[in-house]
Amino acid sequence: MSDTKNNALLCDPVTGSCEMPSATSSAEGGTIKKGIKPITIIYYTDPICSSCWGIEPQLRKLKLEYGEYFEIDYRMGGLLPDWSYNSGGISKPSDVAHHWDEASHYYQMPIDGDVWLEDPLDSSYPSCIAMKAAQMQDPTKAIRFMRILREGLYLDKKNIAKWENIVSAAKQAGLDTAKMKTDYDNGAKELFQKDLELARRMGVRGFPTLFFSDGTTNQLTVYGSKPYDAYEKVILALYPDAKKKKISDDNPLGIFSYYPTLAVKEYAEILNISTTKAEEILEQHYKKGVLNKKSIKNGSLYSKK
């Protein structure tokens, strides 16, 4: 993969990141403002970042176990401005398809790379701006909105640069689509530009990048997709009094009350079991008619009926 690492869409599984071709490691730094909770996380992501999809299992678990101690400020990175900036080992959307299939196997998360063959995106900017518009309306629903966008992209091969697919995801997330259109055309674009400017000041080289802060000069960064304990250790380093909340496994479907949809890897990560065991449990409940299942060539997504 060394000859194609300069393209952001070819996320490197070794580093666990989608790196920007024009990124710089220099940063002005700066203190992250203290929020209501002990820890604030600035999370630089992008709806089309496969490595960000790859850390959904770890982040979902972190929210369940330590969510009372941190708040996440979701910032959009603009992974794909357009196709003119690319050079080197990739020059067109179809070049990404095989790579996404490889990423799916590596992260054990369902991704169908054929979207780049059937209905390729020309930019990630529309989905990034849509996310800012959703945040203007309701930050909690915005998180759900981005998850729906990603499921549409990775499993349903939907081009989430198209407005009809953005609107469909917004409706599913319970957002006011008329207001979203107004915000998209106005304030959301400015907010997105501010995200890009902050990324440059903070030295964001790629995605995912998570800046953890306790509101003082104590700031730790987790760059790229890392195992769960890397995120847990940072929480405990900044707030040693944090107590892990036990995730009960008494009710095998209890997690669905927190997360409406779960991939096998997510279920396994949260319950600290093997993916084989997780799939066995989820399949049992699917066959009983308790769960729905959406299957693609590289995995499945389960939801409660």
Protein backbone atom coordinates (compact mmCIF):
# COMPACT_ATOMS: atom_id res chain seq x y z
CA MET A 1 0.00 0.00 0.00
CA SER A 2 3.02 2.28 0.21
CA ASP A 3 2.58 3.59 -3.35
CA THR A 4 -0.97 4.77 -2.68
CA LYS A 5 -0.78 6.14 0.83
CA ASN A 6 -0.82 9.69 -0.46
CA ASN A 7 -4.51 9.38 -1.28
CA ALA A 8 -6.86 9.98 1.64
CA LEU A 9 -9.43 7.46 0.44
CA LEU A 10 -6.87 4.67 0.66
CA CYS A 11 -6.92 4.41 4.43
CA ASP A 12 -3.91 2.57 5.77
CA PRO A 13 -4.95 -0.30 8.07
CA VAL A 14 -1.48 -0.35 9.65
CA THR A 15 -1.84 3.20 10.99
CA GLY A 16 -5.62 2.93 11.06
CA SER A 17 -6.04 6.30 9.39
CA CYS A 18 -7.18 8.05 6.25
CA GLU A 19 -4.42 10.57 5.73
CA MET A 20 -4.80 13.84 3.89
CA PRO A 21 -2.37 14.26 0.95
CA SER A 22 -1.71 17.90 1.81
CA ALA A 23 -1.63 17.35 5.57
CA THR A 24 1.10 18.81 7.72
CA SER A 25 2.29 17.62 11.09
CA SER A 26 2.86 21.17 12.35
CA ALA A 27 0.28 22.64 14.71
CA GLU A 28 -0.27 25.83 16.61
CA GLY A 29 -1.75 23.89 19.49
CA GLY A 30 -4.13 25.53 21.91
CA THR A 31 -6.21 24.54 24.88
CA ILE A 32 -9.56 22.88 24.34
CA LYS A 33 -12.25 24.65 26.31
CA LYS A 34 -13.60 22.78 29.31
CA GLY A 35 -17.12 21.46 28.90
CA ILE A 36 -19.77 20.34 31.36
CA LYS A 37 -18.20 16.91 31.81
CA PRO A 38 -14.64 16.30 33.06
CA ILE A 39 -13.29 15.46 29.60
CA THR A 40 -13.93 16.99 26.20
CA ILE A 41 -13.08 15.06 23.04
CA ILE A 42 -12.70 16.84 19.72
CA TYR A 43 -13.27 14.09 17.18
CA TYR A 44 -12.18 14.78 13.61
CA THR A 45 -14.02 12.47 11.27
CA ASP A 46 -15.69 12.33 7.87
CA PRO A 47 -18.82 10.40 6.84
CA ILE A 48 -16.89 8.59 4.09
CA CYS A 49 -13.82 7.69 6.17
CA SER A 50 -13.57 3.89 6.29
CA SER A 51 -11.18 3.99 9.26
CA CYS A 52 -13.74 6.06 11.19
CA TRP A 53 -16.34 3.39 10.43
CA GLY A 54 -13.73 0.94 11.66
CA ILE A 55 -13.57 2.52 15.16
CA GLU A 56 -17.34 2.57 15.69
CA PRO A 57 -17.10 -0.58 17.87
CA GLN A 58 -14.51 1.03 20.19
CA LEU A 59 -16.30 4.39 20.40
CA ARG A 60 -19.67 2.81 21.07
CA LYS A 61 -18.20 0.77 23.89
CA LEU A 62 -16.40 3.80 25.31
CA LYS A 63 -19.68 5.73 25.42
CA LEU A 64 -21.37 2.92 27.34
CA GLU A 65 -18.56 2.38 29.84
CA TYR A 66 -17.29 5.95 30.38
CA GLY A 67 -19.86 8.19 28.70
CA GLU A 68 -20.74 10.05 31.89
CA TYR A 69 -17.19 11.46 32.01
CA PHE A 70 -16.81 12.88 28.51
CA GLU A 71 -18.56 14.76 25.75
CA ILE A 72 -17.63 14.52 22.08
CA ASP A 73 -17.40 17.54 19.80
CA TYR A 74 -17.79 16.07 16.31
CA ARG A 75 -15.79 17.97 13.69
CA MET A 76 -15.87 17.31 9.95
CA GLY A 77 -12.61 16.84 8.08
CA GLY A 78 -13.47 17.12 4.39
CA LEU A 79 -11.71 13.92 3.33
CA LEU A 80 -12.55 14.23 -0.38
CA PRO A 81 -12.85 17.84 -1.67
CA ASP A 82 -13.13 16.56 -5.26
CA TRP A 83 -11.17 14.30 -7.59
CA SER A 84 -8.84 16.95 -8.99
CA TYR A 85 -6.48 16.92 -5.98
CA ASN A 86 -5.61 13.25 -6.25
CA SER A 87 -2.40 11.88 -7.65
CA GLY A 88 -0.29 8.76 -7.48
CA GLY A 89 -1.84 5.34 -7.12
CA ILE A 90 -5.45 6.44 -7.44
CA SER A 91 -7.06 8.78 -9.93
CA LYS A 92 -10.71 7.77 -10.16
CA PRO A 93 -13.52 6.45 -7.93
CA SER A 94 -13.33 2.87 -9.22
CA ASP A 95 -9.80 2.60 -7.80
CA VAL A 96 -11.28 2.80 -4.29
CA ALA A 97 -13.71 -0.13 -4.60
CA HIS A 98 -11.26 -2.99 -3.98
CA HIS A 99 -9.55 -1.08 -1.18
CA TRP A 100 -12.85 -0.63 0.68
CA ASP A 101 -13.50 -4.36 0.46
CA GLU A 102 -10.06 -4.94 2.00
CA ALA A 103 -10.78 -2.39 4.73
CA SER A 104 -14.02 -4.21 5.51
CA HIS A 105 -12.16 -7.45 6.17
CA TYR A 106 -9.46 -5.70 8.18
CA TYR A 107 -11.84 -3.81 10.49
CA GLN A 108 -14.45 -6.62 10.45
CA MET A 109 -17.11 -4.02 9.70
CA PRO A 110 -19.55 -4.34 6.77
CA ILE A 111 -18.47 -2.24 3.78
CA ASP A 112 -19.45 -2.77 0.15
CA GLY A 113 -16.90 -0.98 -2.01
CA ASP A 114 -19.05 -1.37 -5.13
CA VAL A 115 -20.59 2.04 -4.46
CA TRP A 116 -17.46 3.42 -6.15
CA LEU A 117 -18.33 1.41 -9.27
CA GLU A 118 -22.09 1.89 -9.31
CA ASP A 119 -22.79 5.38 -7.94
CA PRO A 120 -19.49 7.03 -6.95
CA LEU A 121 -19.25 10.16 -4.81
CA ASP A 122 -17.59 13.21 -6.30
CA SER A 123 -16.92 14.77 -2.89
CA SER A 124 -17.43 14.26 0.85
CA TYR A 125 -18.14 17.97 1.35
CA PRO A 126 -21.96 17.71 0.93
CA SER A 127 -22.23 15.09 3.70
CA CYS A 128 -19.86 17.08 5.93
CA ILE A 129 -21.92 20.25 5.48
CA ALA A 130 -25.11 18.27 6.06
CA MET A 131 -23.67 17.04 9.34
CA LYS A 132 -23.00 20.64 10.43
CA ALA A 133 -26.60 21.54 9.49
CA ALA A 134 -27.85 18.62 11.58
CA GLN A 135 -25.74 19.80 14.53
CA MET A 136 -27.24 23.29 14.26
CA GLN A 137 -30.66 21.71 14.73
CA ASP A 138 -30.04 18.95 17.28
CA PRO A 139 -26.56 17.65 18.27
CA THR A 140 -27.93 14.32 19.52
CA LYS A 141 -29.96 13.64 16.39
CA ALA A 142 -26.93 14.68 14.34
CA ILE A 143 -24.94 11.73 15.72
CA ARG A 144 -27.77 9.41 14.70
CA PHE A 145 -27.92 11.15 11.32
CA MET A 146 -24.24 10.50 10.59
CA ARG A 147 -24.65 6.85 11.56
CA ILE A 148 -27.58 6.52 9.12
CA LEU A 149 -25.55 8.24 6.40
CA ARG A 150 -22.73 5.78 6.93
CA GLU A 151 -24.99 2.74 6.93
CA GLY A 152 -26.50 3.97 3.68
CA LEU A 153 -23.05 4.40 2.14
CA TYR A 154 -21.32 1.29 3.42
CA LEU A 155 -24.17 -1.21 3.27
CA ASP A 156 -26.71 0.16 0.79
CA LYS A 157 -24.19 1.70 -1.62
CA LYS A 158 -25.95 5.06 -1.49
CA ASN A 159 -24.16 8.10 -2.84
CA ILE A 160 -24.41 10.36 0.23
CA ALA A 161 -23.23 13.38 -1.76
CA LYS A 162 -26.70 13.41 -3.35
CA TRP A 163 -29.29 15.57 -1.65
CA GLU A 164 -32.08 12.96 -1.87
CA ASN A 165 -29.98 10.52 0.17
CA ILE A 166 -29.06 13.22 2.70
CA VAL A 167 -32.76 14.11 3.11
CA SER A 168 -33.72 10.45 3.51
CA ALA A 169 -31.15 10.02 6.32
CA ALA A 170 -32.32 13.26 7.97
CA LYS A 171 -35.93 12.02 8.02
CA GLN A 172 -34.88 8.72 9.58
CA ALA A 173 -32.95 10.64 12.26
CA GLY A 174 -36.03 12.72 13.08
CA LEU A 175 -34.62 16.00 11.77
CA ASP A 176 -36.65 18.82 10.24
CA THR A 177 -35.63 18.56 6.57
CA ALA A 178 -36.89 22.02 5.60
CA LYS A 179 -34.81 23.64 8.33
CA MET A 180 -31.90 21.42 7.39
CA LYS A 181 -32.00 22.69 3.80
CA THR A 182 -32.04 26.30 4.99
CA ASP A 183 -29.15 25.70 7.39
CA TYR A 184 -27.24 23.72 4.75
CA ASP A 185 -27.39 26.66 2.34
CA ASN A 186 -26.41 29.18 4.97
CA GLY A 187 -24.71 28.72 8.36
CA ALA A 188 -23.62 25.09 7.93
CA LYS A 189 -21.11 25.92 5.19
CA GLU A 190 -19.45 28.50 7.43
CA LEU A 191 -19.32 26.04 10.34
CA PHE A 192 -17.69 23.46 8.07
CA GLN A 193 -15.04 25.97 7.00
CA LYS A 194 -14.36 26.68 10.68
CA ASP A 195 -13.87 22.94 11.23
CA LEU A 196 -11.33 22.86 8.40
CA GLU A 197 -9.51 25.89 9.79
CA LEU A 198 -9.37 24.41 13.30
CA ALA A 199 -8.07 21.14 11.84
CA ARG A 200 -5.17 23.00 10.25
CA ARG A 201 -4.39 24.83 13.50
CA MET A 202 -4.46 21.60 15.49
CA GLY A 203 -2.32 19.72 12.98
CA VAL A 204 -4.89 17.13 11.96
CA ARG A 205 -3.13 14.83 9.47
CA GLY A 206 -5.99 12.45 8.81
CA PHE A 207 -8.98 10.66 10.26
CA PRO A 208 -9.94 9.51 12.78
CA THR A 209 -8.13 11.96 15.08
CA LEU A 210 -9.36 12.38 18.67
CA PHE A 211 -8.08 15.14 20.94
CA PHE A 212 -8.82 14.46 24.63
CA SER A 213 -8.66 17.34 27.13
CA ASP A 214 -9.54 17.99 30.76
CA GLY A 215 -9.87 21.70 30.06
CA THR A 216 -6.32 22.55 31.13
CA THR A 217 -3.07 22.17 29.25
CA ASN A 218 -3.42 18.41 29.69
CA GLN A 219 -4.25 17.19 26.22
CA LEU A 220 -3.75 13.73 24.73
CA THR A 221 -4.29 12.61 21.15
CA VAL A 222 -5.27 9.25 19.71
CA TYR A 223 -4.52 9.20 16.01
CA GLY A 224 -5.97 6.52 13.76
CA SER A 225 -7.89 3.37 14.59
CA LYS A 226 -6.59 1.82 17.81
CA PRO A 227 -7.66 -1.03 20.11
CA TYR A 228 -10.20 -0.20 22.79
CA ASP A 229 -7.73 0.03 25.66
CA ALA A 230 -5.92 2.92 23.92
CA TYR A 231 -9.02 5.09 24.33
CA GLU A 232 -9.76 3.79 27.82
CA LYS A 233 -6.21 4.57 29.02
CA VAL A 234 -6.50 8.18 27.84
CA ILE A 235 -9.77 8.65 29.75
CA LEU A 236 -8.19 7.27 32.92
CA ALA A 237 -5.01 9.30 32.44
CA LEU A 238 -6.99 12.55 32.30
CA TYR A 239 -9.58 11.58 34.91
CA PRO A 240 -8.24 8.83 37.22
CA ASP A 241 -11.46 8.81 39.29
CA ALA A 242 -13.48 7.54 36.32
CA LYS A 243 -15.27 4.29 37.12
CA LYS A 244 -16.08 1.85 34.35
CA LYS A 245 -19.79 1.15 34.04
CA LYS A 246 -20.41 -2.57 33.75
CA ILE A 247 -22.25 -3.61 30.62
CA SER A 248 -24.71 -6.30 31.64
CA ASP A 249 -24.80 -9.40 29.48
CA ASP A 250 -27.90 -10.79 31.25
CA ASN A 251 -30.08 -9.60 28.39
CA PRO A 252 -28.37 -10.44 25.08
CA LEU A 253 -30.45 -7.81 23.27
CA GLY A 254 -30.11 -5.07 25.88
CA ILE A 255 -27.48 -3.21 23.85
CA PHE A 256 -30.07 -2.55 21.15
CA SER A 257 -31.83 -0.17 23.53
CA TYR A 258 -28.74 2.06 23.25
CA TYR A 259 -27.83 1.39 19.63
CA PRO A 260 -30.66 0.55 17.18
CA THR A 261 -28.28 -1.16 14.76
CA LEU A 262 -25.21 -3.25 15.50
CA ALA A 263 -22.64 -5.00 13.36
CA VAL A 264 -21.22 -8.28 14.64
CA LYS A 265 -17.89 -6.62 15.47
CA GLU A 266 -19.66 -3.92 17.48
CA TYR A 267 -21.66 -6.45 19.47
CA ALA A 268 -18.52 -8.49 20.13
CA GLU A 269 -16.45 -5.47 21.19
CA ILE A 270 -19.08 -4.14 23.57
CA LEU A 271 -19.63 -7.49 25.29
CA ASN A 272 -15.94 -8.45 25.13
CA ILE A 273 -16.61 -11.72 23.33
CA SER A 274 -15.30 -13.20 20.08
CA THR A 275 -16.89 -12.25 16.78
CA THR A 276 -17.70 -15.93 16.29
CA LYS A 277 -19.67 -16.02 19.56
CA ALA A 278 -21.30 -12.68 18.78
CA GLU A 279 -22.48 -13.86 15.39
CA GLU A 280 -23.82 -17.06 16.94
CA ILE A 281 -25.91 -15.11 19.47
CA LEU A 282 -27.20 -12.60 16.92
CA GLU A 283 -28.05 -15.32 14.41
CA GLN A 284 -30.01 -17.27 17.06
CA HIS A 285 -32.19 -14.24 17.75
CA TYR A 286 -32.53 -13.49 14.04
CA LYS A 287 -33.78 -17.03 13.38
CA LYS A 288 -36.23 -16.64 16.27
CA GLY A 289 -37.63 -13.62 14.51
CA VAL A 290 -36.57 -11.17 17.22
CA LEU A 291 -33.94 -9.37 15.12
CA ASN A 292 -33.81 -8.04 11.58
CA LYS A 293 -30.67 -8.61 9.55
CA LYS A 294 -29.26 -6.74 6.59
CA SER A 295 -26.54 -8.73 4.85
CA ILE A 296 -24.03 -7.63 2.25
CA LYS A 297 -21.06 -9.41 0.73
CA ASN A 298 -18.78 -8.28 3.59
CA GLY A 299 -20.93 -8.72 6.67
CA SER A 300 -24.25 -8.01 8.34
CA LEU A 301 -26.04 -5.38 10.40
CA TYR A 302 -28.65 -6.39 12.97
CA SER A 303 -31.55 -4.39 14.39
CA LYS A 304 -34.34 -5.16 16.83
CA LYS A 305 -37.83 -5.71 15.42
